[in-house]
Amino acid sequence: MRDLLPSTVAVAVAGPDDWVGELLAAERACLSDQAVPTRRRDFTAGRVCARRALTELGLPPTAVPTADRAPVWPAGLVGTITHTAGYCAAAAAHVSDIRSVGMDAEQHREISPGVRRLVLLPEEEADLARLPSGIFWPIVVFSAKETVYKVWHPVVGTWLDFQDARLDIDPDAGTFTARIAPARIAEAEVDDPPATISGRFVVADGLVRTAAVLPPR
């Protein structure tokens, strides 16, 4: 993810030992006793990476618990965590440098027709038909929208649905721009909710990786 984010964002990618690393007490409290081994490994790697990213920003080892399905970062910081099979990363930044950050990683594969209908707007389906072959573009859209929602949530305090963002992809530049549905902008109970969120993507080594940031106001 380092290649997709500005230098003001600290990034940590999981190594082999991070999947079985130690959790701090506040993090362990967020993990159910019934959590399956894969969930436990993903959660552990994410928190180990998150704490390493925070260390890069000059903080001591600090717990990153969960609330409202999202990581809770220390005051004055923003961050994001993603994991998929065999890959996990976390990123963090000071709010003075970055208003919000999101990223997502997915396996580069085709998605089922049902998921495709859930994720893609009709206009996006038409756009993807014109993009170069060799890439499963629906999973790129899926990942980019996941990133957009991770950027949106800390700023606005609500979660977007897949149909709430209209995505445009530039395959040559490796960039995307999401336009948020006007209705979601109008109902946001914060000043200056983001109407557009732009980011970058890479498809390589069997993965789709996407990331985006909002600059400070």
Protein backbone atom coordinates (compact mmCIF):
# COMPACT_ATOMS: atom_id res chain seq x y z
CA MET A 1 0.00 0.00 0.00
CA ARG A 2 3.00 2.29 0.37
CA ASP A 3 2.91 2.86 -3.40
CA LEU A 4 -0.71 4.13 -3.28
CA LEU A 5 -0.57 6.59 -0.38
CA PRO A 6 1.22 9.91 0.26
CA SER A 7 4.35 10.03 2.38
CA THR A 8 2.47 11.68 5.26
CA VAL A 9 0.65 8.35 5.80
CA ALA A 10 2.47 5.63 7.76
CA VAL A 11 1.92 2.19 6.23
CA ALA A 12 2.62 -1.28 7.65
CA VAL A 13 2.15 -4.53 5.70
CA ALA A 14 1.93 -7.84 7.58
CA GLY A 15 4.85 -10.22 7.61
CA PRO A 16 4.61 -13.93 8.48
CA ASP A 17 4.87 -13.42 12.25
CA ASP A 18 2.22 -10.69 12.41
CA TRP A 19 -0.66 -13.12 11.86
CA VAL A 20 0.08 -14.78 15.21
CA GLY A 21 1.31 -11.70 17.05
CA GLU A 22 0.20 -10.38 20.43
CA LEU A 23 -2.96 -8.36 21.03
CA LEU A 24 -3.28 -5.70 23.71
CA ALA A 25 -6.06 -6.09 26.29
CA ALA A 26 -8.43 -3.57 24.68
CA GLU A 27 -8.01 -5.32 21.34
CA ARG A 28 -8.57 -8.82 22.75
CA ALA A 29 -11.83 -7.57 24.27
CA CYS A 30 -13.14 -6.85 20.76
CA LEU A 31 -12.55 -10.40 19.54
CA SER A 32 -15.27 -12.91 20.33
CA ASP A 33 -14.35 -16.15 22.07
CA GLN A 34 -16.23 -17.87 19.22
CA ALA A 35 -14.13 -16.20 16.52
CA VAL A 36 -12.95 -18.72 13.93
CA PRO A 37 -9.17 -19.10 13.42
CA THR A 38 -9.11 -17.11 10.15
CA ARG A 39 -10.96 -14.21 11.79
CA ARG A 40 -8.57 -14.34 14.74
CA ARG A 41 -5.53 -14.31 12.43
CA ASP A 42 -6.87 -11.44 10.30
CA PHE A 43 -7.79 -9.36 13.34
CA THR A 44 -4.41 -9.99 14.95
CA ALA A 45 -2.40 -9.07 11.87
CA GLY A 46 -4.46 -5.93 11.40
CA ARG A 47 -3.85 -4.73 14.96
CA VAL A 48 -0.15 -5.58 14.88
CA CYS A 49 0.20 -3.60 11.65
CA ALA A 50 -1.88 -0.73 13.03
CA ARG A 51 0.35 -0.42 16.08
CA ARG A 52 3.46 -0.51 13.89
CA ALA A 53 2.05 2.30 11.74
CA LEU A 54 1.33 4.33 14.88
CA THR A 55 4.90 3.75 16.04
CA GLU A 56 6.12 5.25 12.76
CA LEU A 57 4.17 8.38 13.70
CA GLY A 58 5.98 8.59 17.04
CA LEU A 59 3.41 6.97 19.32
CA PRO A 60 4.15 4.25 21.87
CA PRO A 61 2.42 0.86 21.39
CA THR A 62 -1.24 1.87 21.47
CA ALA A 63 -4.34 -0.33 21.30
CA VAL A 64 -6.63 0.00 18.28
CA PRO A 65 -10.00 -1.44 19.39
CA THR A 66 -13.21 -1.61 17.35
CA ALA A 67 -16.50 0.30 17.45
CA ASP A 68 -19.28 0.51 14.85
CA ARG A 69 -17.43 -2.10 12.73
CA ALA A 70 -14.39 0.17 12.38
CA PRO A 71 -11.02 0.62 14.11
CA VAL A 72 -10.86 3.29 16.82
CA TRP A 73 -7.69 5.34 16.44
CA PRO A 74 -6.02 7.51 19.10
CA ALA A 75 -7.13 11.14 19.30
CA GLY A 76 -5.62 13.29 16.59
CA LEU A 77 -5.04 10.38 14.24
CA VAL A 78 -6.89 8.68 11.40
CA GLY A 79 -6.26 5.26 9.96
CA THR A 80 -7.49 2.22 8.10
CA ILE A 81 -6.97 -1.56 8.07
CA THR A 82 -7.56 -4.12 5.33
CA HIS A 83 -7.04 -7.84 4.98
CA THR A 84 -7.69 -10.58 2.47
CA ALA A 85 -6.31 -14.11 2.14
CA GLY A 86 -2.56 -13.88 2.73
CA TYR A 87 -2.42 -10.08 2.82
CA CYS A 88 -2.98 -7.50 5.55
CA ALA A 89 -2.01 -3.85 5.88
CA ALA A 90 -2.72 -0.84 8.07
CA ALA A 91 -2.16 2.88 7.59
CA ALA A 92 -2.34 5.88 9.90
CA ALA A 93 -1.78 9.62 9.73
CA HIS A 94 -2.10 12.79 11.78
CA VAL A 95 -5.36 14.67 11.19
CA SER A 96 -3.29 17.78 10.56
CA ASP A 97 -1.95 16.04 7.44
CA ILE A 98 -4.87 13.85 6.34
CA ARG A 99 -8.58 14.29 7.05
CA SER A 100 -9.37 10.63 6.36
CA VAL A 101 -7.73 7.60 4.77
CA GLY A 102 -9.11 4.34 3.40
CA MET A 103 -7.69 1.30 1.66
CA ASP A 104 -8.80 -2.15 0.60
CA ALA A 105 -7.27 -5.35 -0.79
CA GLU A 106 -9.13 -8.12 -2.63
CA GLN A 107 -8.25 -11.26 -4.52
CA HIS A 108 -8.14 -10.50 -8.25
CA ARG A 109 -11.05 -12.64 -9.42
CA GLU A 110 -14.45 -12.42 -11.05
CA ILE A 111 -17.38 -11.79 -8.75
CA SER A 112 -20.70 -13.60 -8.92
CA PRO A 113 -23.60 -12.12 -10.92
CA GLY A 114 -25.51 -11.47 -7.69
CA VAL A 115 -22.67 -9.53 -6.10
CA ARG A 116 -22.09 -7.71 -9.37
CA ARG A 117 -25.71 -6.49 -9.39
CA LEU A 118 -25.33 -5.37 -5.78
CA VAL A 119 -22.11 -3.44 -6.40
CA LEU A 120 -22.43 -1.91 -9.85
CA LEU A 121 -24.75 0.84 -11.02
CA PRO A 122 -26.08 0.44 -14.60
CA GLU A 123 -23.85 3.31 -15.74
CA GLU A 124 -20.82 1.58 -14.24
CA GLU A 125 -21.67 -1.65 -16.06
CA ALA A 126 -21.67 0.30 -19.32
CA ASP A 127 -18.35 1.94 -18.47
CA LEU A 128 -16.64 -1.36 -17.62
CA ALA A 129 -17.59 -2.84 -20.98
CA ARG A 130 -15.33 -0.22 -22.60
CA LEU A 131 -12.27 -0.86 -20.42
CA PRO A 132 -9.28 -2.98 -21.56
CA SER A 133 -9.48 -6.74 -21.16
CA GLY A 134 -7.25 -8.77 -18.86
CA ILE A 135 -8.51 -7.28 -15.58
CA PHE A 136 -11.62 -8.26 -13.66
CA TRP A 137 -12.93 -4.71 -13.44
CA PRO A 138 -15.97 -5.45 -11.24
CA ILE A 139 -13.68 -6.49 -8.37
CA VAL A 140 -11.69 -3.27 -8.88
CA VAL A 141 -14.94 -1.31 -8.49
CA PHE A 142 -15.85 -3.39 -5.44
CA SER A 143 -12.48 -2.67 -3.81
CA ALA A 144 -12.52 1.01 -4.70
CA LYS A 145 -15.99 1.44 -3.20
CA GLU A 146 -14.87 -0.32 -0.02
CA THR A 147 -12.02 2.20 0.17
CA VAL A 148 -14.39 5.11 -0.45
CA TYR A 149 -16.70 3.97 2.34
CA LYS A 150 -13.76 3.71 4.75
CA VAL A 151 -12.85 7.31 3.89
CA TRP A 152 -16.44 8.52 4.26
CA HIS A 153 -17.36 6.85 7.56
CA PRO A 154 -14.95 8.62 9.95
CA VAL A 155 -15.85 12.01 8.49
CA VAL A 156 -19.64 11.67 8.31
CA GLY A 157 -20.35 8.94 10.86
CA THR A 158 -22.56 6.85 8.57
CA TRP A 159 -21.93 3.92 6.22
CA LEU A 160 -22.57 4.15 2.49
CA ASP A 161 -24.17 1.40 0.41
CA PHE A 162 -22.64 0.26 -2.87
CA GLN A 163 -25.28 2.14 -4.82
CA ASP A 164 -24.43 5.42 -3.04
CA ALA A 165 -21.24 6.05 -5.02
CA ARG A 166 -20.80 6.39 -8.78
CA LEU A 167 -17.28 5.27 -9.70
CA ASP A 168 -15.21 6.37 -12.70
CA ILE A 169 -11.97 4.50 -13.47
CA ASP A 170 -8.98 5.75 -15.44
CA PRO A 171 -7.18 2.49 -16.38
CA ASP A 172 -4.13 4.24 -17.81
CA ALA A 173 -3.48 6.43 -14.78
CA GLY A 174 -4.48 3.76 -12.26
CA THR A 175 -6.90 6.16 -10.57
CA PHE A 176 -10.58 6.29 -9.67
CA THR A 177 -13.06 8.96 -8.62
CA ALA A 178 -16.27 8.29 -6.69
CA ARG A 179 -19.15 10.76 -6.78
CA ILE A 180 -21.34 10.40 -3.72
CA ALA A 181 -25.12 10.36 -4.26
CA PRO A 182 -26.57 13.86 -3.67
CA ALA A 183 -29.15 12.43 -1.26
CA ARG A 184 -26.38 11.12 1.01
CA ILE A 185 -24.62 14.47 0.88
CA ALA A 186 -27.85 16.28 1.80
CA GLU A 187 -28.58 14.07 4.81
CA ALA A 188 -25.06 14.23 6.25
CA GLU A 189 -25.06 15.91 9.66
CA VAL A 190 -21.56 17.35 9.36
CA ASP A 191 -20.10 20.41 7.69
CA ASP A 192 -18.49 19.90 4.31
CA PRO A 193 -19.15 16.18 3.66
CA PRO A 194 -17.04 14.95 0.74
CA ALA A 195 -18.98 14.98 -2.55
CA THR A 196 -16.15 13.24 -4.42
CA ILE A 197 -13.39 10.92 -3.22
CA SER A 198 -10.46 10.10 -5.49
CA GLY A 199 -7.88 7.37 -5.14
CA ARG A 200 -5.48 4.98 -6.81
CA PHE A 201 -5.47 1.27 -7.62
CA VAL A 202 -3.04 -1.46 -8.60
CA VAL A 203 -3.73 -4.96 -9.92
CA ALA A 204 -0.69 -7.20 -9.43
CA ASP A 205 0.42 -10.47 -7.87
CA GLY A 206 -3.13 -11.81 -7.75
CA LEU A 207 -4.43 -8.84 -5.72
CA VAL A 208 -6.44 -5.70 -6.30
CA ARG A 209 -5.27 -2.91 -3.98
CA THR A 210 -7.02 0.45 -3.67
CA ALA A 211 -6.41 3.49 -1.48
CA ALA A 212 -7.65 7.06 -1.07
CA VAL A 213 -7.25 10.03 1.24
CA LEU A 214 -9.06 13.26 1.96
CA PRO A 215 -6.74 16.24 2.44
CA PRO A 216 -7.22 18.41 5.54
CA ARG A 217 -9.80 21.17 5.27
